[in-house]
PDB file of N, CA and C in Angstrom:
ATOM      1  N   UNK A   1     -14.497  25.113  -4.743  1.00  0.00           N
ATOM      2  CA  UNK A   1     -14.839  23.836  -4.157  1.00  0.00           C
ATOM      3  C   UNK A   1     -15.743  23.068  -5.133  1.00  0.00           C
ATOM      4  N   UNK A   2     -15.415  21.791  -5.367  1.00  0.00           N
ATOM      5  CA  UNK A   2     -16.202  20.964  -6.263  1.00  0.00           C
ATOM      6  C   UNK A   2     -17.368  20.363  -5.486  1.00  0.00           C
ATOM      7  N   UNK A   3     -18.550  20.441  -6.085  1.00  0.00           N
ATOM      8  CA  UNK A   3     -19.736  19.858  -5.456  1.00  0.00           C
ATOM      9  C   UNK A   3     -20.156  18.619  -6.215  1.00  0.00           C
ATOM     10  N   UNK A   4     -20.792  17.679  -5.571  1.00  0.00           N
ATOM     11  CA  UNK A   4     -21.255  16.444  -6.189  1.00  0.00           C
ATOM     12  C   UNK A   4     -22.137  16.728  -7.396  1.00  0.00           C
ATOM     13  N   UNK A   5     -22.941  17.742  -7.374  1.00  0.00           N
ATOM     14  CA  UNK A   5     -23.883  18.061  -8.453  1.00  0.00           C
ATOM     15  C   UNK A   5     -23.213  18.695  -9.666  1.00  0.00           C
ATOM     16  N   UNK A   6     -21.938  19.147  -9.543  1.00  0.00           N
ATOM     17  CA  UNK A   6     -21.245  19.753 -10.676  1.00  0.00           C
ATOM     18  C   UNK A   6     -21.039  18.705 -11.762  1.00  0.00           C
ATOM     19  N   UNK A   7     -21.409  18.992 -13.025  1.00  0.00           N
ATOM     20  CA  UNK A   7     -21.243  18.022 -14.107  1.00  0.00           C
ATOM     21  C   UNK A   7     -19.800  17.564 -14.229  1.00  0.00           C
ATOM     22  N   UNK A   8     -19.579  16.266 -14.255  1.00  0.00           N
ATOM     23  CA  UNK A   8     -18.243  15.691 -14.405  1.00  0.00           C
ATOM     24  C   UNK A   8     -17.431  15.656 -13.131  1.00  0.00           C
ATOM     25  N   UNK A   9     -17.926  16.137 -12.027  1.00  0.00           N
ATOM     26  CA  UNK A   9     -17.172  16.182 -10.777  1.00  0.00           C
ATOM     27  C   UNK A   9     -17.017  14.790 -10.176  1.00  0.00           C
ATOM     28  N   UNK A  10     -18.010  13.948 -10.339  1.00  0.00           N
ATOM     29  CA  UNK A  10     -17.980  12.603  -9.767  1.00  0.00           C
ATOM     30  C   UNK A  10     -18.353  11.612 -10.856  1.00  0.00           C
ATOM     31  N   UNK A  11     -17.519  10.563 -11.023  1.00  0.00           N
ATOM     32  CA  UNK A  11     -17.855   9.501 -11.963  1.00  0.00           C
ATOM     33  C   UNK A  11     -18.456   8.361 -11.163  1.00  0.00           C
ATOM     34  N   UNK A  12     -19.559   7.801 -11.638  1.00  0.00           N
ATOM     35  CA  UNK A  12     -20.277   6.755 -10.925  1.00  0.00           C
ATOM     36  C   UNK A  12     -20.457   5.565 -11.845  1.00  0.00           C
ATOM     37  N   UNK A  13     -20.380   4.382 -11.306  1.00  0.00           N
ATOM     38  CA  UNK A  13     -20.566   3.158 -12.065  1.00  0.00           C
ATOM     39  C   UNK A  13     -21.923   2.585 -11.708  1.00  0.00           C
ATOM     40  N   UNK A  14     -22.734   2.347 -12.745  1.00  0.00           N
ATOM     41  CA  UNK A  14     -24.042   1.736 -12.519  1.00  0.00           C
ATOM     42  C   UNK A  14     -23.861   0.242 -12.299  1.00  0.00           C
ATOM     43  N   UNK A  15     -24.599  -0.339 -11.412  1.00  0.00           N
ATOM     44  CA  UNK A  15     -24.543  -1.765 -11.131  1.00  0.00           C
ATOM     45  C   UNK A  15     -25.948  -2.333 -11.168  1.00  0.00           C
ATOM     46  N   UNK A  16     -26.033  -3.593 -11.626  1.00  0.00           N
ATOM     47  CA  UNK A  16     -27.317  -4.279 -11.620  1.00  0.00           C
ATOM     48  C   UNK A  16     -27.642  -4.841 -10.252  1.00  0.00           C
ATOM     49  N   UNK A  17     -26.829  -4.526  -9.259  1.00  0.00           N
ATOM     50  CA  UNK A  17     -27.092  -5.003  -7.905  1.00  0.00           C
ATOM     51  C   UNK A  17     -26.014  -5.914  -7.360  1.00  0.00           C
ATOM     52  N   UNK A  18     -25.147  -6.435  -8.265  1.00  0.00           N
ATOM     53  CA  UNK A  18     -24.059  -7.303  -7.812  1.00  0.00           C
ATOM     54  C   UNK A  18     -22.895  -6.500  -7.288  1.00  0.00           C
ATOM     55  N   UNK A  19     -21.860  -7.199  -6.770  1.00  0.00           N
ATOM     56  CA  UNK A  19     -20.689  -6.489  -6.259  1.00  0.00           C
ATOM     57  C   UNK A  19     -19.909  -5.825  -7.382  1.00  0.00           C
ATOM     58  N   UNK A  20     -19.155  -4.820  -7.061  1.00  0.00           N
ATOM     59  CA  UNK A  20     -18.255  -4.154  -7.990  1.00  0.00           C
ATOM     60  C   UNK A  20     -16.870  -4.745  -7.786  1.00  0.00           C
ATOM     61  N   UNK A  21     -16.034  -4.695  -8.841  1.00  0.00           N
ATOM     62  CA  UNK A  21     -14.695  -5.264  -8.748  1.00  0.00           C
ATOM     63  C   UNK A  21     -13.653  -4.282  -9.244  1.00  0.00           C
ATOM     64  N   UNK A  22     -12.465  -4.385  -8.684  1.00  0.00           N
ATOM     65  CA  UNK A  22     -11.288  -3.652  -9.142  1.00  0.00           C
ATOM     66  C   UNK A  22     -10.404  -4.711  -9.776  1.00  0.00           C
ATOM     67  N   UNK A  23     -10.138  -4.572 -11.072  1.00  0.00           N
ATOM     68  CA  UNK A  23      -9.418  -5.608 -11.813  1.00  0.00           C
ATOM     69  C   UNK A  23      -8.303  -4.976 -12.624  1.00  0.00           C
ATOM     70  N   UNK A  24      -7.103  -5.604 -12.647  1.00  0.00           N
ATOM     71  CA  UNK A  24      -6.023  -5.055 -13.465  1.00  0.00           C
ATOM     72  C   UNK A  24      -6.434  -5.010 -14.932  1.00  0.00           C
ATOM     73  N   UNK A  25      -6.095  -3.934 -15.607  1.00  0.00           N
ATOM     74  CA  UNK A  25      -6.464  -3.763 -17.005  1.00  0.00           C
ATOM     75  C   UNK A  25      -5.954  -4.917 -17.858  1.00  0.00           C
ATOM     76  N   UNK A  26      -4.778  -5.445 -17.526  1.00  0.00           N
ATOM     77  CA  UNK A  26      -4.196  -6.540 -18.298  1.00  0.00           C
ATOM     78  C   UNK A  26      -5.029  -7.815 -18.193  1.00  0.00           C
ATOM     79  N   UNK A  27      -5.828  -7.956 -17.171  1.00  0.00           N
ATOM     80  CA  UNK A  27      -6.657  -9.155 -16.970  1.00  0.00           C
ATOM     81  C   UNK A  27      -8.116  -8.929 -17.322  1.00  0.00           C
ATOM     82  N   UNK A  28      -8.444  -7.755 -17.816  1.00  0.00           N
ATOM     83  CA  UNK A  28      -9.834  -7.408 -18.100  1.00  0.00           C
ATOM     84  C   UNK A  28     -10.495  -8.396 -19.060  1.00  0.00           C
ATOM     85  N   UNK A  29      -9.775  -8.825 -20.088  1.00  0.00           N
ATOM     86  CA  UNK A  29     -10.380  -9.737 -21.066  1.00  0.00           C
ATOM     87  C   UNK A  29     -10.611 -11.133 -20.500  1.00  0.00           C
ATOM     88  N   UNK A  30      -9.973 -11.481 -19.387  1.00  0.00           N
ATOM     89  CA  UNK A  30     -10.178 -12.793 -18.757  1.00  0.00           C
ATOM     90  C   UNK A  30     -11.450 -12.836 -17.911  1.00  0.00           C
ATOM     91  N   UNK A  31     -12.008 -11.683 -17.585  1.00  0.00           N
ATOM     92  CA  UNK A  31     -13.229 -11.620 -16.768  1.00  0.00           C
ATOM     93  C   UNK A  31     -14.447 -11.842 -17.662  1.00  0.00           C
ATOM     94  N   UNK A  32     -15.252 -12.870 -17.349  1.00  0.00           N
ATOM     95  CA  UNK A  32     -16.392 -13.218 -18.187  1.00  0.00           C
ATOM     96  C   UNK A  32     -17.710 -12.654 -17.668  1.00  0.00           C
ATOM     97  N   UNK A  33     -17.759 -12.204 -16.429  1.00  0.00           N
ATOM     98  CA  UNK A  33     -18.980 -11.608 -15.890  1.00  0.00           C
ATOM     99  C   UNK A  33     -20.109 -12.609 -15.781  1.00  0.00           C
ATOM    100  N   UNK A  34     -21.294 -12.193 -16.133  1.00  0.00           N
ATOM    101  CA  UNK A  34     -22.478 -13.064 -16.101  1.00  0.00           C
ATOM    102  C   UNK A  34     -23.240 -12.871 -17.391  1.00  0.00           C
ATOM    103  N   UNK A  35     -23.485 -13.936 -18.063  1.00  0.00           N
ATOM    104  CA  UNK A  35     -24.238 -13.842 -19.306  1.00  0.00           C
ATOM    105  C   UNK A  35     -24.419 -15.207 -19.923  1.00  0.00           C
ATOM    106  N   UNK A  36     -25.540 -15.429 -20.504  1.00  0.00           N
ATOM    107  CA  UNK A  36     -25.823 -16.720 -21.112  1.00  0.00           C
ATOM    108  C   UNK A  36     -25.763 -17.819 -20.068  1.00  0.00           C
ATOM    109  N   UNK A  37     -24.982 -18.858 -20.387  1.00  0.00           N
ATOM    110  CA  UNK A  37     -24.854 -19.991 -19.457  1.00  0.00           C
ATOM    111  C   UNK A  37     -23.642 -19.874 -18.551  1.00  0.00           C
ATOM    112  N   UNK A  38     -22.815 -18.850 -18.718  1.00  0.00           N
ATOM    113  CA  UNK A  38     -21.564 -18.716 -17.976  1.00  0.00           C
ATOM    114  C   UNK A  38     -21.667 -17.620 -16.909  1.00  0.00           C
ATOM    115  N   UNK A  39     -21.937 -18.020 -15.689  1.00  0.00           N
ATOM    116  CA  UNK A  39     -22.050 -17.081 -14.567  1.00  0.00           C
ATOM    117  C   UNK A  39     -20.953 -17.317 -13.540  1.00  0.00           C
ATOM    118  N   UNK A  40     -19.934 -18.136 -13.897  1.00  0.00           N
ATOM    119  CA  UNK A  40     -18.931 -18.544 -12.911  1.00  0.00           C
ATOM    120  C   UNK A  40     -18.202 -17.364 -12.265  1.00  0.00           C
ATOM    121  N   UNK A  41     -17.705 -16.414 -13.075  1.00  0.00           N
ATOM    122  CA  UNK A  41     -16.982 -15.271 -12.518  1.00  0.00           C
ATOM    123  C   UNK A  41     -17.876 -14.443 -11.594  1.00  0.00           C
ATOM    124  N   UNK A  42     -19.072 -14.140 -12.074  1.00  0.00           N
ATOM    125  CA  UNK A  42     -20.016 -13.348 -11.270  1.00  0.00           C
ATOM    126  C   UNK A  42     -20.363 -14.069  -9.964  1.00  0.00           C
ATOM    127  N   UNK A  43     -20.590 -15.386 -10.042  1.00  0.00           N
ATOM    128  CA  UNK A  43     -20.901 -16.165  -8.841  1.00  0.00           C
ATOM    129  C   UNK A  43     -19.755 -16.128  -7.839  1.00  0.00           C
ATOM    130  N   UNK A  44     -18.503 -16.208  -8.340  1.00  0.00           N
ATOM    131  CA  UNK A  44     -17.349 -16.134  -7.432  1.00  0.00           C
ATOM    132  C   UNK A  44     -17.270 -14.772  -6.760  1.00  0.00           C
ATOM    133  N   UNK A  45     -17.589 -13.710  -7.493  1.00  0.00           N
ATOM    134  CA  UNK A  45     -17.598 -12.365  -6.896  1.00  0.00           C
ATOM    135  C   UNK A  45     -18.691 -12.263  -5.828  1.00  0.00           C
ATOM    136  N   UNK A  46     -19.843 -12.844  -6.111  1.00  0.00           N
ATOM    137  CA  UNK A  46     -20.952 -12.790  -5.143  1.00  0.00           C
ATOM    138  C   UNK A  46     -20.683 -13.620  -3.897  1.00  0.00           C
ATOM    139  N   UNK A  47     -19.809 -14.632  -4.019  1.00  0.00           N
ATOM    140  CA  UNK A  47     -19.501 -15.500  -2.877  1.00  0.00           C
ATOM    141  C   UNK A  47     -18.555 -14.870  -1.871  1.00  0.00           C
ATOM    142  N   UNK A  48     -17.968 -13.710  -2.192  1.00  0.00           N
ATOM    143  CA  UNK A  48     -17.054 -13.043  -1.251  1.00  0.00           C
ATOM    144  C   UNK A  48     -17.849 -12.633  -0.015  1.00  0.00           C
ATOM    145  N   UNK A  49     -17.331 -13.021   1.129  1.00  0.00           N
ATOM    146  CA  UNK A  49     -17.999 -12.715   2.401  1.00  0.00           C
ATOM    147  C   UNK A  49     -17.391 -11.437   2.990  1.00  0.00           C
ATOM    148  N   UNK A  50     -18.189 -10.504   3.391  1.00  0.00           N
ATOM    149  CA  UNK A  50     -17.703  -9.257   3.966  1.00  0.00           C
ATOM    150  C   UNK A  50     -17.653  -8.133   2.948  1.00  0.00           C
ATOM    151  N   UNK A  51     -16.984  -7.057   3.330  1.00  0.00           N
ATOM    152  CA  UNK A  51     -16.944  -5.856   2.499  1.00  0.00           C
ATOM    153  C   UNK A  51     -15.985  -5.954   1.328  1.00  0.00           C
ATOM    154  N   UNK A  52     -14.855  -6.688   1.486  1.00  0.00           N
ATOM    155  CA  UNK A  52     -13.860  -6.813   0.421  1.00  0.00           C
ATOM    156  C   UNK A  52     -13.297  -8.229   0.404  1.00  0.00           C
ATOM    157  N   UNK A  53     -12.775  -8.623  -0.767  1.00  0.00           N
ATOM    158  CA  UNK A  53     -12.137  -9.929  -0.899  1.00  0.00           C
ATOM    159  C   UNK A  53     -11.401 -10.011  -2.211  1.00  0.00           C
ATOM    160  N   UNK A  54     -10.551 -11.026  -2.343  1.00  0.00           N
ATOM    161  CA  UNK A  54      -9.775 -11.234  -3.566  1.00  0.00           C
ATOM    162  C   UNK A  54     -10.213 -12.522  -4.236  1.00  0.00           C
ATOM    163  N   UNK A  55     -10.291 -12.490  -5.581  1.00  0.00           N
ATOM    164  CA  UNK A  55     -10.548 -13.690  -6.362  1.00  0.00           C
ATOM    165  C   UNK A  55      -9.594 -13.711  -7.547  1.00  0.00           C
ATOM    166  N   UNK A  56      -9.263 -14.904  -8.017  1.00  0.00           N
ATOM    167  CA  UNK A  56      -8.353 -15.060  -9.146  1.00  0.00           C
ATOM    168  C   UNK A  56      -9.048 -14.669 -10.441  1.00  0.00           C
ATOM    169  N   UNK A  57      -8.310 -13.961 -11.308  1.00  0.00           N
ATOM    170  CA  UNK A  57      -8.770 -13.608 -12.650  1.00  0.00           C
ATOM    171  C   UNK A  57      -7.573 -13.735 -13.570  1.00  0.00           C
ATOM    172  N   UNK A  58      -7.608 -14.723 -14.469  1.00  0.00           N
ATOM    173  CA  UNK A  58      -6.469 -14.943 -15.346  1.00  0.00           C
ATOM    174  C   UNK A  58      -5.228 -15.190 -14.515  1.00  0.00           C
ATOM    175  N   UNK A  59      -4.170 -14.437 -14.794  1.00  0.00           N
ATOM    176  CA  UNK A  59      -2.906 -14.584 -14.072  1.00  0.00           C
ATOM    177  C   UNK A  59      -2.779 -13.621 -12.891  1.00  0.00           C
ATOM    178  N   UNK A  60      -3.852 -12.904 -12.557  1.00  0.00           N
ATOM    179  CA  UNK A  60      -3.795 -11.943 -11.448  1.00  0.00           C
ATOM    180  C   UNK A  60      -5.015 -12.126 -10.550  1.00  0.00           C
ATOM    181  N   UNK A  61      -5.313 -11.134  -9.767  1.00  0.00           N
ATOM    182  CA  UNK A  61      -6.473 -11.173  -8.875  1.00  0.00           C
ATOM    183  C   UNK A  61      -7.295  -9.905  -9.019  1.00  0.00           C
ATOM    184  N   UNK A  62      -8.560 -10.031  -8.678  1.00  0.00           N
ATOM    185  CA  UNK A  62      -9.468  -8.881  -8.663  1.00  0.00           C
ATOM    186  C   UNK A  62      -9.885  -8.629  -7.224  1.00  0.00           C
ATOM    187  N   UNK A  63     -10.027  -7.375  -6.883  1.00  0.00           N
ATOM    188  CA  UNK A  63     -10.520  -6.965  -5.577  1.00  0.00           C
ATOM    189  C   UNK A  63     -12.025  -6.797  -5.688  1.00  0.00           C
ATOM    190  N   UNK A  64     -12.767  -7.567  -4.914  1.00  0.00           N
ATOM    191  CA  UNK A  64     -14.227  -7.514  -4.952  1.00  0.00           C
ATOM    192  C   UNK A  64     -14.706  -6.618  -3.820  1.00  0.00           C
ATOM    193  N   UNK A  65     -15.530  -5.644  -4.180  1.00  0.00           N
ATOM    194  CA  UNK A  65     -16.133  -4.766  -3.174  1.00  0.00           C
ATOM    195  C   UNK A  65     -17.523  -5.318  -2.904  1.00  0.00           C
ATOM    196  N   UNK A  66     -17.726  -5.872  -1.755  1.00  0.00           N
ATOM    197  CA  UNK A  66     -18.928  -6.625  -1.448  1.00  0.00           C
ATOM    198  C   UNK A  66     -20.143  -5.797  -1.087  1.00  0.00           C
ATOM    199  N   UNK A  67     -20.118  -4.536  -1.421  1.00  0.00           N
ATOM    200  CA  UNK A  67     -21.293  -3.707  -1.176  1.00  0.00           C
ATOM    201  C   UNK A  67     -21.665  -2.995  -2.454  1.00  0.00           C
ATOM    202  N   UNK A  68     -22.862  -2.563  -2.572  1.00  0.00           N
ATOM    203  CA  UNK A  68     -23.344  -1.933  -3.791  1.00  0.00           C
ATOM    204  C   UNK A  68     -22.784  -0.520  -3.871  1.00  0.00           C
ATOM    205  N   UNK A  69     -22.636  -0.019  -4.987  1.00  0.00           N
ATOM    206  CA  UNK A  69     -21.987   1.276  -5.136  1.00  0.00           C
ATOM    207  C   UNK A  69     -21.639   1.869  -3.851  1.00  0.00           C
ATOM    208  N   UNK A  70     -16.542   0.224  -7.516  1.00  0.00           N
ATOM    209  CA  UNK A  70     -16.231   1.557  -7.792  1.00  0.00           C
ATOM    210  C   UNK A  70     -15.724   1.398  -9.181  1.00  0.00           C
ATOM    211  N   UNK A  71     -15.960   0.028  -9.599  1.00  0.00           N
ATOM    212  CA  UNK A  71     -15.081   0.200 -10.717  1.00  0.00           C
ATOM    213  C   UNK A  71     -15.552  -0.571 -11.939  1.00  0.00           C
ATOM    214  N   UNK A  72     -16.011  -1.777 -11.800  1.00  0.00           N
ATOM    215  CA  UNK A  72     -16.604  -2.530 -12.901  1.00  0.00           C
ATOM    216  C   UNK A  72     -17.712  -3.378 -12.322  1.00  0.00           C
ATOM    217  N   UNK A  73     -18.891  -3.276 -12.902  1.00  0.00           N
ATOM    218  CA  UNK A  73     -20.013  -4.122 -12.484  1.00  0.00           C
ATOM    219  C   UNK A  73     -19.609  -5.559 -12.753  1.00  0.00           C
ATOM    220  N   UNK A  74     -19.593  -6.425 -11.752  1.00  0.00           N
ATOM    221  CA  UNK A  74     -19.110  -7.793 -11.900  1.00  0.00           C
ATOM    222  C   UNK A  74     -19.936  -8.613 -12.874  1.00  0.00           C
ATOM    223  N   UNK A  75     -21.115  -8.189 -13.221  1.00  0.00           N
ATOM    224  CA  UNK A  75     -21.937  -8.906 -14.193  1.00  0.00           C
ATOM    225  C   UNK A  75     -21.499  -8.637 -15.627  1.00  0.00           C
ATOM    226  N   UNK A  76     -20.734  -7.567 -15.863  1.00  0.00           N
ATOM    227  CA  UNK A  76     -20.281  -7.216 -17.213  1.00  0.00           C
ATOM    228  C   UNK A  76     -19.043  -8.018 -17.576  1.00  0.00           C
ATOM    229  N   UNK A  77     -18.990  -8.562 -18.816  1.00  0.00           N
ATOM    230  CA  UNK A  77     -17.739  -9.175 -19.251  1.00  0.00           C
ATOM    231  C   UNK A  77     -16.703  -8.075 -19.436  1.00  0.00           C
ATOM    232  N   UNK A  78     -15.452  -8.329 -19.010  1.00  0.00           N
ATOM    233  CA  UNK A  78     -14.416  -7.297 -19.048  1.00  0.00           C
ATOM    234  C   UNK A  78     -14.155  -6.711 -20.409  1.00  0.00           C
ATOM    235  N   UNK A  79     -14.139  -7.558 -21.456  1.00  0.00           N
ATOM    236  CA  UNK A  79     -13.828  -7.034 -22.776  1.00  0.00           C
ATOM    237  C   UNK A  79     -15.045  -6.444 -23.462  1.00  0.00           C
ATOM    238  N   UNK A  80     -16.205  -6.456 -22.824  1.00  0.00           N
ATOM    239  CA  UNK A  80     -17.416  -5.902 -23.418  1.00  0.00           C
ATOM    240  C   UNK A  80     -18.021  -4.764 -22.615  1.00  0.00           C
ATOM    241  N   UNK A  81     -17.328  -4.322 -21.565  1.00  0.00           N
ATOM    242  CA  UNK A  81     -17.864  -3.257 -20.709  1.00  0.00           C
ATOM    243  C   UNK A  81     -17.808  -1.911 -21.418  1.00  0.00           C
ATOM    244  N   UNK A  82     -18.899  -1.172 -21.398  1.00  0.00           N
ATOM    245  CA  UNK A  82     -18.957   0.166 -21.975  1.00  0.00           C
ATOM    246  C   UNK A  82     -18.259   1.145 -21.034  1.00  0.00           C
ATOM    247  N   UNK A  83     -17.917   2.327 -21.554  1.00  0.00           N
ATOM    248  CA  UNK A  83     -17.213   3.332 -20.751  1.00  0.00           C
ATOM    249  C   UNK A  83     -17.967   3.714 -19.481  1.00  0.00           C
ATOM    250  N   UNK A  84     -19.302   3.734 -19.522  1.00  0.00           N
ATOM    251  CA  UNK A  84     -20.065   4.120 -18.328  1.00  0.00           C
ATOM    252  C   UNK A  84     -20.269   2.952 -17.363  1.00  0.00           C
ATOM    253  N   UNK A  85     -19.714   1.765 -17.712  1.00  0.00           N
ATOM    254  CA  UNK A  85     -19.814   0.606 -16.842  1.00  0.00           C
ATOM    255  C   UNK A  85     -18.499   0.312 -16.129  1.00  0.00           C
ATOM    256  N   UNK A  86     -17.500   1.173 -16.358  1.00  0.00           N
ATOM    257  CA  UNK A  86     -16.206   0.970 -15.716  1.00  0.00           C
ATOM    258  C   UNK A  86     -15.547   2.313 -15.466  1.00  0.00           C
ATOM    259  N   UNK A  87     -14.600   2.315 -14.564  1.00  0.00           N
ATOM    260  CA  UNK A  87     -13.856   3.516 -14.221  1.00  0.00           C
ATOM    261  C   UNK A  87     -12.391   3.128 -14.119  1.00  0.00           C
ATOM    262  N   UNK A  88     -11.518   3.828 -14.836  1.00  0.00           N
ATOM    263  CA  UNK A  88     -10.092   3.530 -14.798  1.00  0.00           C
ATOM    264  C   UNK A  88      -9.452   4.351 -13.687  1.00  0.00           C
ATOM    265  N   UNK A  89      -8.732   3.648 -12.806  1.00  0.00           N
ATOM    266  CA  UNK A  89      -8.046   4.297 -11.688  1.00  0.00           C
ATOM    267  C   UNK A  89      -6.583   3.888 -11.730  1.00  0.00           C
ATOM    268  N   UNK A  90      -5.674   4.851 -11.657  1.00  0.00           N
ATOM    269  CA  UNK A  90      -4.236   4.572 -11.652  1.00  0.00           C
ATOM    270  C   UNK A  90      -3.822   4.173 -10.235  1.00  0.00           C
ATOM    271  N   UNK A  91      -3.303   2.943 -10.111  1.00  0.00           N
ATOM    272  CA  UNK A  91      -2.792   2.464  -8.821  1.00  0.00           C
ATOM    273  C   UNK A  91      -1.392   1.942  -9.074  1.00  0.00           C
ATOM    274  N   UNK A  92      -0.397   2.448  -8.349  1.00  0.00           N
ATOM    275  CA  UNK A  92       0.986   2.027  -8.539  1.00  0.00           C
ATOM    276  C   UNK A  92       1.121   0.541  -8.207  1.00  0.00           C
ATOM    277  N   UNK A  93       1.965  -0.152  -8.985  1.00  0.00           N
ATOM    278  CA  UNK A  93       2.216  -1.565  -8.727  1.00  0.00           C
ATOM    279  C   UNK A  93       2.812  -1.725  -7.334  1.00  0.00           C
ATOM    280  N   UNK A  94       2.440  -2.777  -6.652  1.00  0.00           N
ATOM    281  CA  UNK A  94       2.975  -3.041  -5.321  1.00  0.00           C
ATOM    282  C   UNK A  94       2.005  -3.840  -4.486  1.00  0.00           C
ATOM    283  N   UNK A  95       2.333  -3.981  -3.206  1.00  0.00           N
ATOM    284  CA  UNK A  95       1.477  -4.700  -2.255  1.00  0.00           C
ATOM    285  C   UNK A  95       0.699  -3.692  -1.419  1.00  0.00           C
ATOM    286  N   UNK A  96      -0.561  -4.014  -1.175  1.00  0.00           N
ATOM    287  CA  UNK A  96      -1.432  -3.116  -0.431  1.00  0.00           C
ATOM    288  C   UNK A  96      -2.208  -3.873   0.638  1.00  0.00           C
ATOM    289  N   UNK A  97      -2.446  -3.211   1.734  1.00  0.00           N
ATOM    290  CA  UNK A  97      -3.392  -3.692   2.733  1.00  0.00           C
ATOM    291  C   UNK A  97      -4.720  -3.009   2.403  1.00  0.00           C
ATOM    292  N   UNK A  98      -5.787  -3.776   2.392  1.00  0.00           N
ATOM    293  CA  UNK A  98      -7.097  -3.224   2.068  1.00  0.00           C
ATOM    294  C   UNK A  98      -7.885  -3.059   3.362  1.00  0.00           C
ATOM    295  N   UNK A  99      -8.341  -1.848   3.598  1.00  0.00           N
ATOM    296  CA  UNK A  99      -9.150  -1.560   4.773  1.00  0.00           C
ATOM    297  C   UNK A  99     -10.526  -1.118   4.315  1.00  0.00           C
ATOM    298  N   UNK A 100     -11.553  -1.575   4.996  1.00  0.00           N
ATOM    299  CA  UNK A 100     -12.920  -1.207   4.611  1.00  0.00           C
ATOM    300  C   UNK A 100     -13.715  -0.836   5.853  1.00  0.00           C
ATOM    301  N   UNK A 101     -14.595   0.122   5.686  1.00  0.00           N
ATOM    302  CA  UNK A 101     -15.469   0.552   6.780  1.00  0.00           C
ATOM    303  C   UNK A 101     -16.840   0.888   6.217  1.00  0.00           C
ATOM    304  N   UNK A 102     -17.842   0.694   7.018  1.00  0.00           N
ATOM    305  CA  UNK A 102     -19.209   1.034   6.633  1.00  0.00           C
ATOM    306  C   UNK A 102     -19.860   1.763   7.802  1.00  0.00           C
ATOM    307  N   UNK A 103     -20.478   2.890   7.497  1.00  0.00           N
ATOM    308  CA  UNK A 103     -21.151   3.698   8.512  1.00  0.00           C
ATOM    309  C   UNK A 103     -22.596   3.911   8.077  1.00  0.00           C
ATOM    310  N   UNK A 104     -23.520   3.720   8.962  1.00  0.00           N
ATOM    311  CA  UNK A 104     -24.937   3.950   8.673  1.00  0.00           C
ATOM    312  C   UNK A 104     -25.463   4.989   9.662  1.00  0.00           C
ATOM    313  N   UNK A 105     -25.371   6.291   9.306  1.00  0.00           N
ATOM    314  CA  UNK A 105     -25.798   7.342  10.233  1.00  0.00           C
ATOM    315  C   UNK A 105     -27.321   7.425  10.398  1.00  0.00           C
ATOM    316  N   UNK A 106     -28.048   6.982   9.359  1.00  0.00           N
ATOM    317  CA  UNK A 106     -29.506   6.966   9.405  1.00  0.00           C
ATOM    318  C   UNK A 106     -29.986   5.654   8.804  1.00  0.00           C
ATOM    319  N   UNK A 107     -31.195   5.236   9.053  1.00  0.00           N
ATOM    320  CA  UNK A 107     -31.676   3.947   8.537  1.00  0.00           C
ATOM    321  C   UNK A 107     -31.582   3.776   7.026  1.00  0.00           C
ATOM    322  N   UNK A 108     -31.740   4.814   6.239  1.00  0.00           N
ATOM    323  CA  UNK A 108     -31.702   4.693   4.782  1.00  0.00           C
ATOM    324  C   UNK A 108     -30.450   5.299   4.168  1.00  0.00           C
ATOM    325  N   UNK A 109     -29.409   5.544   4.974  1.00  0.00           N
ATOM    326  CA  UNK A 109     -28.172   6.141   4.500  1.00  0.00           C
ATOM    327  C   UNK A 109     -26.996   5.302   4.974  1.00  0.00           C
ATOM    328  N   UNK A 110     -26.184   4.812   3.989  1.00  0.00           N
ATOM    329  CA  UNK A 110     -24.994   4.039   4.322  1.00  0.00           C
ATOM    330  C   UNK A 110     -23.834   4.557   3.495  1.00  0.00           C
ATOM    331  N   UNK A 111     -22.693   4.730   4.123  1.00  0.00           N
ATOM    332  CA  UNK A 111     -21.474   5.179   3.471  1.00  0.00           C
ATOM    333  C   UNK A 111     -20.453   4.061   3.615  1.00  0.00           C
ATOM    334  N   UNK A 112     -19.876   3.627   2.468  1.00  0.00           N
ATOM    335  CA  UNK A 112     -18.862   2.581   2.464  1.00  0.00           C
ATOM    336  C   UNK A 112     -17.562   3.167   1.943  1.00  0.00           C
ATOM    337  N   UNK A 113     -16.457   2.887   2.612  1.00  0.00           N
ATOM    338  CA  UNK A 113     -15.157   3.415   2.233  1.00  0.00           C
ATOM    339  C   UNK A 113     -14.167   2.271   2.159  1.00  0.00           C
ATOM    340  N   UNK A 114     -13.395   2.227   1.077  1.00  0.00           N
ATOM    341  CA  UNK A 114     -12.312   1.254   0.918  1.00  0.00           C
ATOM    342  C   UNK A 114     -11.029   2.024   0.742  1.00  0.00           C
ATOM    343  N   UNK A 115     -10.013   1.694   1.529  1.00  0.00           N
ATOM    344  CA  UNK A 115      -8.727   2.378   1.456  1.00  0.00           C
ATOM    345  C   UNK A 115      -7.649   1.359   1.153  1.00  0.00           C
ATOM    346  N   UNK A 116      -6.771   1.684   0.204  1.00  0.00           N
ATOM    347  CA  UNK A 116      -5.612   0.874  -0.112  1.00  0.00           C
ATOM    348  C   UNK A 116      -4.414   1.526   0.542  1.00  0.00           C
ATOM    349  N   UNK A 117      -3.727   0.795   1.428  1.00  0.00           N
ATOM    350  CA  UNK A 117      -2.557   1.326   2.135  1.00  0.00           C
ATOM    351  C   UNK A 117      -1.330   0.552   1.662  1.00  0.00           C
ATOM    352  N   UNK A 118      -0.349   1.258   1.092  1.00  0.00           N
ATOM    353  CA  UNK A 118       0.849   0.609   0.586  1.00  0.00           C
ATOM    354  C   UNK A 118       1.582  -0.098   1.728  1.00  0.00           C
ATOM    355  N   UNK A 119       2.038  -1.340   1.449  1.00  0.00           N
ATOM    356  CA  UNK A 119       2.775  -2.125   2.433  1.00  0.00           C
ATOM    357  C   UNK A 119       4.213  -2.203   1.961  1.00  0.00           C
ATOM    358  N   UNK A 120       5.149  -1.860   2.824  1.00  0.00           N
ATOM    359  CA  UNK A 120       6.579  -1.873   2.463  1.00  0.00           C
ATOM    360  C   UNK A 120       7.127  -3.265   2.380  1.00  0.00           C
TER     361      UNK A 120
END
């Protein structure tokens, strides 16, 4: 059985506090993040209301996870993100329904889950 504390068992993305995004690799270079005078992409990610939402990126869309810690810190520019600032996940091409849930069993403990369900 794999435990969370086992080295390499869980990959985690550090965030500066903004939302995390799931973005197609082909559109990664179109994501500008937040830096200098250009905060437009990051601001659009922050404007998503609720747990999940979609925003345009280049010729595709990015899935914004509106809660803090899965995949790229929205403040990082896509073509400049270091390996520890992103996580590559294989998702088959197609249409998906996105479901999100948040559970707070104790005042200082919150668990957020996002599920992609293939739509025929």
